């Protein structure tokens, strides 16, 4: 027994093809494909008619069919240095949600170590697999920029202004100043720095001290590996000084939380014996009562996704968007012991 295809002469809904949708809507298959992929050069009335036809037929576009409109793959690549860390996970949550709403798939490429980066960029131009690339808070040198250019696709940066691409992030110098100025206002003069790089946040530490008439002391700077273990090790080094700091500014909350662990294991009280502040507003920061400078991480990922969509619709955003940060006061900072500057 054969199934009835109905008066339109098309296949049953479960077997509908792009040609069926095009015939029902009275357009060509290429136009139908462009309409279903929200191509900007399709009239709104035509797009609505095609979508009504697709809905009536229960049509589901295949990845191959979607490529009819402009050779699109329907995929976006994300370059992620440390996918297991909270910051990058938050960026990905925001980015993936925005792309998923637009029926785009996200491919993750880990580029944390030198070998991973070299392998990715060496193989990158071999064939075009994606419609856009999003770089998540990872520096891209001139040679790597040339490799990305060989793809001929949009490139967006999330989590900082790290290359000459449209980007969304925060002003790291401002965030650093918010943190160190808070410690200075509390009366601290011997303020340590746990840094993962000689970057804008480290520069903010120096600038804030200089503006307060305090000579930056490099003895109070510990360069550490990213994460809690790095913060714990760096704090141990600072405690080993003849004159340890009375407060510490950590590059991020994970580093700060590692510092707090070292202090507590050493029998020191936070903040009575030593104040600690970080950056991010990591979920654990609230649980640990850590004072921090909050940044909207997931929003940065979401905005990066919107920049990708704008580029795929023919727009050419040339922007370095900076989102605001704010000081979040909790229980890990207080004036120096005795309330007098030290």
C-alpha atoms as a PDB file:
ATOM      1  CA  UNK A   1       0.000   0.000   0.000  1.00  0.00           C
ATOM      2  CA  UNK A   2       1.376   3.369  -1.000  1.00  0.00           C
ATOM      3  CA  UNK A   3       0.972   6.529   1.110  1.00  0.00           C
ATOM      4  CA  UNK A   4      -1.142   9.438  -0.040  1.00  0.00           C
ATOM      5  CA  UNK A   5       1.037  12.460  -0.815  1.00  0.00           C
ATOM      6  CA  UNK A   6      -1.906  14.872  -0.738  1.00  0.00           C
ATOM      7  CA  UNK A   7      -3.044  17.426  -3.287  1.00  0.00           C
ATOM      8  CA  UNK A   8       0.316  19.200  -3.479  1.00  0.00           C
ATOM      9  CA  UNK A   9       2.013  16.098  -4.903  1.00  0.00           C
ATOM     10  CA  UNK A  10       4.864  16.297  -2.439  1.00  0.00           C
ATOM     11  CA  UNK A  11       6.277  13.616  -0.171  1.00  0.00           C
ATOM     12  CA  UNK A  12       4.798  12.937   3.284  1.00  0.00           C
ATOM     13  CA  UNK A  13       6.012  15.379   5.931  1.00  0.00           C
ATOM     14  CA  UNK A  14       8.545  12.953   7.387  1.00  0.00           C
ATOM     15  CA  UNK A  15      10.194  12.611   3.949  1.00  0.00           C
ATOM     16  CA  UNK A  16       9.912  16.222   2.757  1.00  0.00           C
ATOM     17  CA  UNK A  17      12.891  17.629   0.868  1.00  0.00           C
ATOM     18  CA  UNK A  18      14.080  21.140   0.165  1.00  0.00           C
ATOM     19  CA  UNK A  19      12.608  20.834  -3.344  1.00  0.00           C
ATOM     20  CA  UNK A  20       9.207  20.079  -1.779  1.00  0.00           C
ATOM     21  CA  UNK A  21       9.423  23.192   0.385  1.00  0.00           C
ATOM     22  CA  UNK A  22      10.489  25.289  -2.617  1.00  0.00           C
ATOM     23  CA  UNK A  23       7.580  24.027  -4.749  1.00  0.00           C
ATOM     24  CA  UNK A  24       5.035  24.667  -2.005  1.00  0.00           C
ATOM     25  CA  UNK A  25       6.391  28.196  -1.450  1.00  0.00           C
ATOM     26  CA  UNK A  26       6.674  28.934  -5.189  1.00  0.00           C
ATOM     27  CA  UNK A  27      10.422  29.684  -5.125  1.00  0.00           C
ATOM     28  CA  UNK A  28      13.630  28.049  -6.282  1.00  0.00           C
ATOM     29  CA  UNK A  29      15.464  25.571  -4.011  1.00  0.00           C
ATOM     30  CA  UNK A  30      18.354  28.036  -3.653  1.00  0.00           C
ATOM     31  CA  UNK A  31      15.963  30.779  -2.504  1.00  0.00           C
ATOM     32  CA  UNK A  32      14.280  28.372  -0.105  1.00  0.00           C
ATOM     33  CA  UNK A  33      17.649  27.441   1.368  1.00  0.00           C
ATOM     34  CA  UNK A  34      18.664  31.079   1.773  1.00  0.00           C
ATOM     35  CA  UNK A  35      15.328  31.898   3.404  1.00  0.00           C
ATOM     36  CA  UNK A  36      15.666  29.047   5.910  1.00  0.00           C
ATOM     37  CA  UNK A  37      19.208  30.144   6.805  1.00  0.00           C
ATOM     38  CA  UNK A  38      18.093  33.792   7.346  1.00  0.00           C
ATOM     39  CA  UNK A  39      20.152  35.140   4.459  1.00  0.00           C
ATOM     40  CA  UNK A  40      19.893  38.963   4.489  1.00  0.00           C
ATOM     41  CA  UNK A  41      19.094  39.219   0.767  1.00  0.00           C
ATOM     42  CA  UNK A  42      15.769  37.372   0.993  1.00  0.00           C
ATOM     43  CA  UNK A  43      12.625  39.488   1.283  1.00  0.00           C
ATOM     44  CA  UNK A  44      10.760  39.179   4.550  1.00  0.00           C
ATOM     45  CA  UNK A  45       7.552  38.067   2.793  1.00  0.00           C
ATOM     46  CA  UNK A  46       9.425  35.360   0.885  1.00  0.00           C
ATOM     47  CA  UNK A  47      11.190  34.182   4.058  1.00  0.00           C
ATOM     48  CA  UNK A  48       7.828  33.956   5.863  1.00  0.00           C
ATOM     49  CA  UNK A  49       6.264  32.010   2.977  1.00  0.00           C
ATOM     50  CA  UNK A  50       9.158  29.530   2.882  1.00  0.00           C
ATOM     51  CA  UNK A  51       9.065  29.033   6.641  1.00  0.00           C
ATOM     52  CA  UNK A  52       5.299  28.409   6.522  1.00  0.00           C
ATOM     53  CA  UNK A  53       5.855  25.800   3.819  1.00  0.00           C
ATOM     54  CA  UNK A  54       8.627  24.140   5.797  1.00  0.00           C
ATOM     55  CA  UNK A  55       6.481  24.045   8.926  1.00  0.00           C
ATOM     56  CA  UNK A  56       3.523  22.581   7.034  1.00  0.00           C
ATOM     57  CA  UNK A  57       5.742  19.801   5.672  1.00  0.00           C
ATOM     58  CA  UNK A  58       7.671  19.209   8.919  1.00  0.00           C
ATOM     59  CA  UNK A  59      10.812  19.816   6.906  1.00  0.00           C
ATOM     60  CA  UNK A  60      14.140  19.410   8.694  1.00  0.00           C
ATOM     61  CA  UNK A  61      17.152  20.874   6.893  1.00  0.00           C
ATOM     62  CA  UNK A  62      20.193  18.656   6.549  1.00  0.00           C
ATOM     63  CA  UNK A  63      23.684  20.134   6.867  1.00  0.00           C
ATOM     64  CA  UNK A  64      24.308  19.390   3.202  1.00  0.00           C
ATOM     65  CA  UNK A  65      21.137  21.142   2.057  1.00  0.00           C
ATOM     66  CA  UNK A  66      21.959  24.244   4.050  1.00  0.00           C
ATOM     67  CA  UNK A  67      25.166  24.679   2.077  1.00  0.00           C
ATOM     68  CA  UNK A  68      23.218  25.625  -1.055  1.00  0.00           C
ATOM     69  CA  UNK A  69      23.030  29.187   0.213  1.00  0.00           C
ATOM     70  CA  UNK A  70      26.456  30.647  -0.229  1.00  0.00           C
ATOM     71  CA  UNK A  71      28.462  27.537   0.573  1.00  0.00           C
ATOM     72  CA  UNK A  72      27.803  27.776   4.312  1.00  0.00           C
ATOM     73  CA  UNK A  73      28.840  24.901   6.580  1.00  0.00           C
ATOM     74  CA  UNK A  74      26.641  25.842   9.528  1.00  0.00           C
ATOM     75  CA  UNK A  75      29.610  25.496  11.889  1.00  0.00           C
ATOM     76  CA  UNK A  76      31.699  27.903  13.962  1.00  0.00           C
ATOM     77  CA  UNK A  77      35.075  27.050  15.470  1.00  0.00           C
ATOM     78  CA  UNK A  78      36.113  28.146  18.966  1.00  0.00           C
ATOM     79  CA  UNK A  79      39.791  28.187  19.937  1.00  0.00           C
ATOM     80  CA  UNK A  80      39.998  27.445  23.670  1.00  0.00           C
ATOM     81  CA  UNK A  81      43.248  27.419  25.668  1.00  0.00           C
ATOM     82  CA  UNK A  82      41.873  25.772  28.831  1.00  0.00           C
ATOM     83  CA  UNK A  83      38.335  24.388  28.324  1.00  0.00           C
ATOM     84  CA  UNK A  84      38.227  22.873  31.830  1.00  0.00           C
ATOM     85  CA  UNK A  85      38.630  26.233  33.577  1.00  0.00           C
ATOM     86  CA  UNK A  86      35.528  28.099  34.724  1.00  0.00           C
ATOM     87  CA  UNK A  87      36.278  31.315  32.809  1.00  0.00           C
ATOM     88  CA  UNK A  88      36.456  29.564  29.441  1.00  0.00           C
ATOM     89  CA  UNK A  89      33.457  27.385  30.265  1.00  0.00           C
ATOM     90  CA  UNK A  90      31.394  30.516  30.940  1.00  0.00           C
ATOM     91  CA  UNK A  91      32.515  32.097  27.663  1.00  0.00           C
ATOM     92  CA  UNK A  92      31.516  28.918  25.827  1.00  0.00           C
ATOM     93  CA  UNK A  93      28.104  28.801  27.534  1.00  0.00           C
ATOM     94  CA  UNK A  94      27.271  32.274  26.292  1.00  0.00           C
ATOM     95  CA  UNK A  95      28.712  31.710  22.826  1.00  0.00           C
ATOM     96  CA  UNK A  96      27.100  28.321  22.258  1.00  0.00           C
ATOM     97  CA  UNK A  97      23.686  29.519  23.400  1.00  0.00           C
ATOM     98  CA  UNK A  98      23.712  32.391  20.921  1.00  0.00           C
ATOM     99  CA  UNK A  99      24.875  30.194  18.039  1.00  0.00           C
ATOM    100  CA  UNK A 100      22.462  27.367  18.860  1.00  0.00           C
ATOM    101  CA  UNK A 101      19.546  29.799  18.678  1.00  0.00           C
ATOM    102  CA  UNK A 102      20.679  30.552  15.116  1.00  0.00           C
ATOM    103  CA  UNK A 103      20.981  26.837  14.212  1.00  0.00           C
ATOM    104  CA  UNK A 104      24.770  26.943  14.126  1.00  0.00           C
ATOM    105  CA  UNK A 105      26.999  24.198  15.521  1.00  0.00           C
ATOM    106  CA  UNK A 106      30.075  24.960  17.618  1.00  0.00           C
ATOM    107  CA  UNK A 107      33.331  23.034  17.169  1.00  0.00           C
ATOM    108  CA  UNK A 108      35.911  23.235  19.970  1.00  0.00           C
ATOM    109  CA  UNK A 109      39.656  23.238  19.298  1.00  0.00           C
ATOM    110  CA  UNK A 110      41.974  23.139  22.287  1.00  0.00           C
ATOM    111  CA  UNK A 111      45.035  25.358  21.789  1.00  0.00           C
ATOM    112  CA  UNK A 112      46.468  25.480  25.299  1.00  0.00           C
ATOM    113  CA  UNK A 113      49.966  24.088  24.819  1.00  0.00           C
ATOM    114  CA  UNK A 114      52.592  24.989  22.190  1.00  0.00           C
ATOM    115  CA  UNK A 115      52.197  21.644  20.402  1.00  0.00           C
ATOM    116  CA  UNK A 116      48.412  21.934  20.263  1.00  0.00           C
ATOM    117  CA  UNK A 117      48.624  25.473  18.892  1.00  0.00           C
ATOM    118  CA  UNK A 118      51.266  24.551  16.310  1.00  0.00           C
ATOM    119  CA  UNK A 119      49.262  21.540  15.143  1.00  0.00           C
ATOM    120  CA  UNK A 120      46.019  23.496  14.862  1.00  0.00           C
ATOM    121  CA  UNK A 121      47.474  26.388  12.881  1.00  0.00           C
ATOM    122  CA  UNK A 122      49.570  24.101  10.664  1.00  0.00           C
ATOM    123  CA  UNK A 123      46.516  22.133   9.574  1.00  0.00           C
ATOM    124  CA  UNK A 124      44.078  25.056   9.534  1.00  0.00           C
ATOM    125  CA  UNK A 125      44.218  26.130   5.845  1.00  0.00           C
ATOM    126  CA  UNK A 126      44.035  22.561   4.512  1.00  0.00           C
ATOM    127  CA  UNK A 127      40.285  22.755   3.996  1.00  0.00           C
ATOM    128  CA  UNK A 128      37.493  25.116   4.895  1.00  0.00           C
ATOM    129  CA  UNK A 129      35.409  23.500   7.629  1.00  0.00           C
ATOM    130  CA  UNK A 130      33.728  26.452   9.342  1.00  0.00           C
ATOM    131  CA  UNK A 131      31.965  29.739   8.618  1.00  0.00           C
ATOM    132  CA  UNK A 132      33.672  31.692  11.418  1.00  0.00           C
ATOM    133  CA  UNK A 133      36.309  31.388  14.130  1.00  0.00           C
ATOM    134  CA  UNK A 134      35.998  32.673  17.714  1.00  0.00           C
ATOM    135  CA  UNK A 135      39.228  33.052  19.685  1.00  0.00           C
ATOM    136  CA  UNK A 136      38.634  32.768  23.428  1.00  0.00           C
ATOM    137  CA  UNK A 137      41.079  34.890  25.449  1.00  0.00           C
ATOM    138  CA  UNK A 138      44.139  33.562  23.644  1.00  0.00           C
ATOM    139  CA  UNK A 139      46.864  35.663  21.991  1.00  0.00           C
ATOM    140  CA  UNK A 140      47.226  35.265  18.233  1.00  0.00           C
ATOM    141  CA  UNK A 141      50.597  36.187  16.736  1.00  0.00           C
ATOM    142  CA  UNK A 142      51.198  37.573  13.249  1.00  0.00           C
ATOM    143  CA  UNK A 143      51.888  34.179  11.666  1.00  0.00           C
ATOM    144  CA  UNK A 144      48.720  32.720  13.204  1.00  0.00           C
ATOM    145  CA  UNK A 145      46.714  35.700  12.001  1.00  0.00           C
ATOM    146  CA  UNK A 146      47.930  34.960   8.472  1.00  0.00           C
ATOM    147  CA  UNK A 147      46.760  31.360   8.844  1.00  0.00           C
ATOM    148  CA  UNK A 148      43.329  32.516   9.979  1.00  0.00           C
ATOM    149  CA  UNK A 149      43.171  34.947   7.061  1.00  0.00           C
ATOM    150  CA  UNK A 150      43.726  32.033   4.669  1.00  0.00           C
ATOM    151  CA  UNK A 151      40.306  30.682   5.651  1.00  0.00           C
ATOM    152  CA  UNK A 152      38.530  33.765   4.371  1.00  0.00           C
ATOM    153  CA  UNK A 153      35.994  33.656   7.224  1.00  0.00           C
ATOM    154  CA  UNK A 154      34.998  36.005  10.025  1.00  0.00           C
ATOM    155  CA  UNK A 155      37.200  35.987  13.149  1.00  0.00           C
ATOM    156  CA  UNK A 156      35.948  37.294  16.511  1.00  0.00           C
ATOM    157  CA  UNK A 157      37.659  37.486  19.919  1.00  0.00           C
ATOM    158  CA  UNK A 158      35.855  36.849  23.221  1.00  0.00           C
ATOM    159  CA  UNK A 159      37.436  37.681  26.558  1.00  0.00           C
ATOM    160  CA  UNK A 160      39.781  40.483  25.578  1.00  0.00           C
ATOM    161  CA  UNK A 161      41.310  42.610  22.838  1.00  0.00           C
ATOM    162  CA  UNK A 162      44.038  40.192  21.789  1.00  0.00           C
ATOM    163  CA  UNK A 163      44.294  40.704  18.045  1.00  0.00           C
ATOM    164  CA  UNK A 164      42.991  43.122  15.377  1.00  0.00           C
ATOM    165  CA  UNK A 165      39.559  41.466  15.198  1.00  0.00           C
ATOM    166  CA  UNK A 166      36.102  42.467  16.418  1.00  0.00           C
ATOM    167  CA  UNK A 167      36.180  41.698  20.133  1.00  0.00           C
ATOM    168  CA  UNK A 168      34.334  41.877  23.421  1.00  0.00           C
ATOM    169  CA  UNK A 169      35.961  41.867  26.851  1.00  0.00           C
ATOM    170  CA  UNK A 170      36.661  44.059  29.854  1.00  0.00           C
ATOM    171  CA  UNK A 171      39.193  46.785  30.550  1.00  0.00           C
ATOM    172  CA  UNK A 172      41.736  44.772  32.557  1.00  0.00           C
ATOM    173  CA  UNK A 173      43.525  47.915  33.698  1.00  0.00           C
ATOM    174  CA  UNK A 174      40.300  49.316  35.145  1.00  0.00           C
ATOM    175  CA  UNK A 175      39.539  45.993  36.850  1.00  0.00           C
ATOM    176  CA  UNK A 176      43.022  45.925  38.370  1.00  0.00           C
ATOM    177  CA  UNK A 177      42.702  49.493  39.584  1.00  0.00           C
ATOM    178  CA  UNK A 178      39.357  48.729  41.224  1.00  0.00           C
ATOM    179  CA  UNK A 179      40.992  45.893  43.160  1.00  0.00           C
ATOM    180  CA  UNK A 180      44.224  47.629  44.220  1.00  0.00           C
ATOM    181  CA  UNK A 181      42.589  50.990  44.921  1.00  0.00           C
ATOM    182  CA  UNK A 182      40.257  49.162  47.327  1.00  0.00           C
ATOM    183  CA  UNK A 183      43.244  47.772  49.241  1.00  0.00           C
ATOM    184  CA  UNK A 184      44.923  51.185  49.285  1.00  0.00           C
ATOM    185  CA  UNK A 185      41.753  52.842  50.580  1.00  0.00           C
ATOM    186  CA  UNK A 186      41.631  50.293  53.398  1.00  0.00           C
ATOM    187  CA  UNK A 187      45.049  51.524  54.480  1.00  0.00           C
ATOM    188  CA  UNK A 188      47.344  48.842  53.098  1.00  0.00           C
ATOM    189  CA  UNK A 189      50.776  49.928  51.898  1.00  0.00           C
ATOM    190  CA  UNK A 190      52.556  46.598  51.477  1.00  0.00           C
ATOM    191  CA  UNK A 191      50.407  45.050  48.758  1.00  0.00           C
ATOM    192  CA  UNK A 192      51.566  41.885  47.030  1.00  0.00           C
ATOM    193  CA  UNK A 193      50.735  40.766  43.493  1.00  0.00           C
ATOM    194  CA  UNK A 194      50.041  37.227  42.296  1.00  0.00           C
ATOM    195  CA  UNK A 195      50.216  37.536  38.517  1.00  0.00           C
ATOM    196  CA  UNK A 196      50.052  35.033  35.670  1.00  0.00           C
ATOM    197  CA  UNK A 197      51.599  37.444  33.149  1.00  0.00           C
ATOM    198  CA  UNK A 198      53.035  40.937  32.833  1.00  0.00           C
ATOM    199  CA  UNK A 199      49.708  42.246  31.575  1.00  0.00           C
ATOM    200  CA  UNK A 200      47.283  45.117  32.120  1.00  0.00           C
ATOM    201  CA  UNK A 201      46.275  43.896  35.574  1.00  0.00           C
ATOM    202  CA  UNK A 202      49.902  43.840  36.689  1.00  0.00           C
ATOM    203  CA  UNK A 203      50.287  47.322  35.208  1.00  0.00           C
ATOM    204  CA  UNK A 204      47.266  48.452  37.205  1.00  0.00           C
ATOM    205  CA  UNK A 205      48.951  47.244  40.426  1.00  0.00           C
ATOM    206  CA  UNK A 206      51.974  49.426  39.685  1.00  0.00           C
ATOM    207  CA  UNK A 207      49.888  52.432  38.649  1.00  0.00           C
ATOM    208  CA  UNK A 208      47.614  52.286  41.696  1.00  0.00           C
ATOM    209  CA  UNK A 209      50.570  52.106  44.089  1.00  0.00           C
ATOM    210  CA  UNK A 210      52.396  54.930  42.305  1.00  0.00           C
ATOM    211  CA  UNK A 211      49.306  57.144  42.421  1.00  0.00           C
ATOM    212  CA  UNK A 212      49.076  56.505  46.157  1.00  0.00           C
ATOM    213  CA  UNK A 213      52.687  57.529  46.650  1.00  0.00           C
ATOM    214  CA  UNK A 214      53.831  53.945  47.273  1.00  0.00           C
ATOM    215  CA  UNK A 215      56.915  52.691  45.445  1.00  0.00           C
ATOM    216  CA  UNK A 216      56.064  49.333  43.771  1.00  0.00           C
ATOM    217  CA  UNK A 217      58.285  46.637  45.301  1.00  0.00           C
ATOM    218  CA  UNK A 218      59.115  43.824  42.865  1.00  0.00           C
ATOM    219  CA  UNK A 219      59.912  41.616  45.855  1.00  0.00           C
ATOM    220  CA  UNK A 220      56.159  41.513  46.455  1.00  0.00           C
ATOM    221  CA  UNK A 221      55.428  40.184  42.955  1.00  0.00           C
ATOM    222  CA  UNK A 222      55.050  36.437  42.398  1.00  0.00           C
ATOM    223  CA  UNK A 223      54.537  35.237  38.817  1.00  0.00           C
ATOM    224  CA  UNK A 224      52.544  32.006  39.011  1.00  0.00           C
ATOM    225  CA  UNK A 225      50.913  29.379  36.825  1.00  0.00           C
ATOM    226  CA  UNK A 226      47.193  30.012  36.187  1.00  0.00           C
ATOM    227  CA  UNK A 227      44.814  28.434  38.677  1.00  0.00           C
ATOM    228  CA  UNK A 228      44.540  27.594  42.339  1.00  0.00           C
ATOM    229  CA  UNK A 229      47.771  25.627  42.673  1.00  0.00           C
ATOM    230  CA  UNK A 230      49.716  28.513  41.182  1.00  0.00           C
ATOM    231  CA  UNK A 231      48.100  30.906  43.635  1.00  0.00           C
ATOM    232  CA  UNK A 232      48.904  28.607  46.555  1.00  0.00           C
ATOM    233  CA  UNK A 233      52.559  28.335  45.536  1.00  0.00           C
ATOM    234  CA  UNK A 234      52.890  32.085  44.939  1.00  0.00           C
ATOM    235  CA  UNK A 235      51.373  32.917  48.314  1.00  0.00           C
ATOM    236  CA  UNK A 236      53.841  30.575  49.991  1.00  0.00           C
ATOM    237  CA  UNK A 237      56.700  32.467  48.323  1.00  0.00           C
ATOM    238  CA  UNK A 238      55.366  35.810  49.536  1.00  0.00           C
ATOM    239  CA  UNK A 239      54.942  34.478  53.074  1.00  0.00           C
ATOM    240  CA  UNK A 240      58.585  33.455  53.001  1.00  0.00           C
ATOM    241  CA  UNK A 241      59.736  37.059  52.673  1.00  0.00           C
ATOM    242  CA  UNK A 242      61.323  38.789  55.633  1.00  0.00           C
ATOM    243  CA  UNK A 243      58.533  41.379  55.429  1.00  0.00           C
ATOM    244  CA  UNK A 244      55.462  39.724  53.861  1.00  0.00           C
ATOM    245  CA  UNK A 245      52.633  41.819  52.413  1.00  0.00           C
ATOM    246  CA  UNK A 246      49.570  42.780  54.443  1.00  0.00           C
ATOM    247  CA  UNK A 247      47.311  42.341  51.395  1.00  0.00           C
ATOM    248  CA  UNK A 248      47.481  40.530  48.071  1.00  0.00           C
ATOM    249  CA  UNK A 249      45.900  41.254  44.688  1.00  0.00           C
ATOM    250  CA  UNK A 250      45.509  38.043  42.664  1.00  0.00           C
ATOM    251  CA  UNK A 251      45.129  38.008  38.882  1.00  0.00           C
ATOM    252  CA  UNK A 252      41.852  36.063  39.159  1.00  0.00           C
ATOM    253  CA  UNK A 253      39.648  34.368  41.726  1.00  0.00           C
ATOM    254  CA  UNK A 254      41.051  30.872  41.221  1.00  0.00           C
ATOM    255  CA  UNK A 255      44.530  32.221  41.976  1.00  0.00           C
ATOM    256  CA  UNK A 256      43.140  34.118  44.968  1.00  0.00           C
ATOM    257  CA  UNK A 257      41.428  31.016  46.348  1.00  0.00           C
ATOM    258  CA  UNK A 258      44.721  29.127  46.153  1.00  0.00           C
ATOM    259  CA  UNK A 259      46.346  31.941  48.119  1.00  0.00           C
ATOM    260  CA  UNK A 260      43.644  31.726  50.791  1.00  0.00           C
ATOM    261  CA  UNK A 261      44.291  27.991  51.148  1.00  0.00           C
ATOM    262  CA  UNK A 262      47.984  28.592  51.812  1.00  0.00           C
ATOM    263  CA  UNK A 263      47.216  31.296  54.371  1.00  0.00           C
ATOM    264  CA  UNK A 264      44.807  29.099  56.290  1.00  0.00           C
ATOM    265  CA  UNK A 265      47.203  26.162  56.279  1.00  0.00           C
ATOM    266  CA  UNK A 266      49.845  28.513  57.679  1.00  0.00           C
ATOM    267  CA  UNK A 267      47.501  29.352  60.555  1.00  0.00           C
ATOM    268  CA  UNK A 268      46.863  32.905  59.328  1.00  0.00           C
ATOM    269  CA  UNK A 269      43.449  34.552  59.356  1.00  0.00           C
ATOM    270  CA  UNK A 270      41.839  36.138  56.315  1.00  0.00           C
ATOM    271  CA  UNK A 271      41.412  39.114  56.436  1.00  0.00           C
ATOM    272  CA  UNK A 272      42.631  39.830  59.988  1.00  0.00           C
ATOM    273  CA  UNK A 273      46.246  38.853  59.212  1.00  0.00           C
ATOM    274  CA  UNK A 274      46.242  39.328  55.443  1.00  0.00           C
ATOM    275  CA  UNK A 275      43.642  40.578  52.950  1.00  0.00           C
ATOM    276  CA  UNK A 276      43.073  38.896  49.578  1.00  0.00           C
ATOM    277  CA  UNK A 277      41.188  40.144  46.503  1.00  0.00           C
ATOM    278  CA  UNK A 278      40.718  38.634  43.037  1.00  0.00           C
ATOM    279  CA  UNK A 279      38.967  39.266  39.726  1.00  0.00           C
ATOM    280  CA  UNK A 280      36.056  37.414  38.031  1.00  0.00           C
ATOM    281  CA  UNK A 281      33.380  36.666  40.657  1.00  0.00           C
ATOM    282  CA  UNK A 282      33.854  32.932  40.221  1.00  0.00           C
ATOM    283  CA  UNK A 283      30.958  30.948  41.802  1.00  0.00           C
ATOM    284  CA  UNK A 284      33.349  29.730  44.508  1.00  0.00           C
ATOM    285  CA  UNK A 285      34.223  33.336  45.389  1.00  0.00           C
ATOM    286  CA  UNK A 286      30.842  33.839  47.058  1.00  0.00           C
ATOM    287  CA  UNK A 287      31.115  30.519  48.926  1.00  0.00           C
ATOM    288  CA  UNK A 288      34.601  31.444  50.164  1.00  0.00           C
ATOM    289  CA  UNK A 289      33.502  35.013  51.026  1.00  0.00           C
ATOM    290  CA  UNK A 290      36.167  36.370  48.671  1.00  0.00           C
ATOM    291  CA  UNK A 291      36.191  40.058  47.794  1.00  0.00           C
ATOM    292  CA  UNK A 292      36.535  40.378  44.026  1.00  0.00           C
ATOM    293  CA  UNK A 293      36.024  42.492  40.929  1.00  0.00           C
ATOM    294  CA  UNK A 294      33.134  40.953  39.001  1.00  0.00           C
ATOM    295  CA  UNK A 295      33.135  40.714  35.228  1.00  0.00           C
ATOM    296  CA  UNK A 296      30.225  39.500  33.033  1.00  0.00           C
ATOM    297  CA  UNK A 297      31.955  36.480  31.500  1.00  0.00           C
ATOM    298  CA  UNK A 298      28.962  34.693  29.988  1.00  0.00           C
ATOM    299  CA  UNK A 299      27.755  37.980  28.493  1.00  0.00           C
ATOM    300  CA  UNK A 300      31.100  38.320  26.714  1.00  0.00           C
ATOM    301  CA  UNK A 301      30.552  34.933  25.083  1.00  0.00           C
ATOM    302  CA  UNK A 302      27.013  35.867  24.132  1.00  0.00           C
ATOM    303  CA  UNK A 303      28.101  39.175  22.599  1.00  0.00           C
ATOM    304  CA  UNK A 304      30.842  37.384  20.659  1.00  0.00           C
ATOM    305  CA  UNK A 305      28.174  35.091  19.230  1.00  0.00           C
ATOM    306  CA  UNK A 306      26.169  38.132  18.161  1.00  0.00           C
ATOM    307  CA  UNK A 307      29.247  39.555  16.418  1.00  0.00           C
ATOM    308  CA  UNK A 308      29.622  36.259  14.554  1.00  0.00           C
ATOM    309  CA  UNK A 309      25.986  36.339  13.427  1.00  0.00           C
ATOM    310  CA  UNK A 310      26.350  39.948  12.274  1.00  0.00           C
ATOM    311  CA  UNK A 311      29.379  38.989  10.184  1.00  0.00           C
ATOM    312  CA  UNK A 312      27.561  36.010   8.658  1.00  0.00           C
ATOM    313  CA  UNK A 313      24.725  38.342   7.656  1.00  0.00           C
ATOM    314  CA  UNK A 314      27.061  40.537   5.666  1.00  0.00           C
ATOM    315  CA  UNK A 315      27.841  43.128   8.304  1.00  0.00           C
ATOM    316  CA  UNK A 316      31.424  44.066   9.114  1.00  0.00           C
ATOM    317  CA  UNK A 317      31.563  44.996  12.805  1.00  0.00           C
ATOM    318  CA  UNK A 318      34.776  46.808  13.674  1.00  0.00           C
ATOM    319  CA  UNK A 319      34.450  47.045  17.397  1.00  0.00           C
ATOM    320  CA  UNK A 320      36.385  46.482  20.587  1.00  0.00           C
ATOM    321  CA  UNK A 321      33.507  46.381  23.048  1.00  0.00           C
ATOM    322  CA  UNK A 322      34.376  46.744  26.738  1.00  0.00           C
ATOM    323  CA  UNK A 323      31.845  45.583  29.311  1.00  0.00           C
ATOM    324  CA  UNK A 324      31.784  47.105  32.815  1.00  0.00           C
ATOM    325  CA  UNK A 325      33.293  45.547  35.931  1.00  0.00           C
ATOM    326  CA  UNK A 326      32.327  46.195  39.565  1.00  0.00           C
ATOM    327  CA  UNK A 327      33.863  45.757  42.997  1.00  0.00           C
ATOM    328  CA  UNK A 328      32.098  43.091  45.091  1.00  0.00           C
ATOM    329  CA  UNK A 329      32.852  43.534  48.789  1.00  0.00           C
ATOM    330  CA  UNK A 330      32.971  40.369  50.881  1.00  0.00           C
ATOM    331  CA  UNK A 331      34.846  39.169  53.921  1.00  0.00           C
ATOM    332  CA  UNK A 332      38.396  38.611  52.635  1.00  0.00           C
ATOM    333  CA  UNK A 333      39.515  42.236  52.840  1.00  0.00           C
ATOM    334  CA  UNK A 334      39.746  44.635  55.776  1.00  0.00           C
ATOM    335  CA  UNK A 335      42.086  47.361  57.073  1.00  0.00           C
ATOM    336  CA  UNK A 336      45.532  46.180  58.212  1.00  0.00           C
ATOM    337  CA  UNK A 337      45.799  44.710  61.695  1.00  0.00           C
ATOM    338  CA  UNK A 338      45.312  47.466  64.245  1.00  0.00           C
ATOM    339  CA  UNK A 339      43.715  49.682  61.615  1.00  0.00           C
ATOM    340  CA  UNK A 340      46.983  51.493  60.896  1.00  0.00           C
ATOM    341  CA  UNK A 341      48.827  51.450  57.569  1.00  0.00           C
ATOM    342  CA  UNK A 342      51.774  49.085  57.441  1.00  0.00           C
END
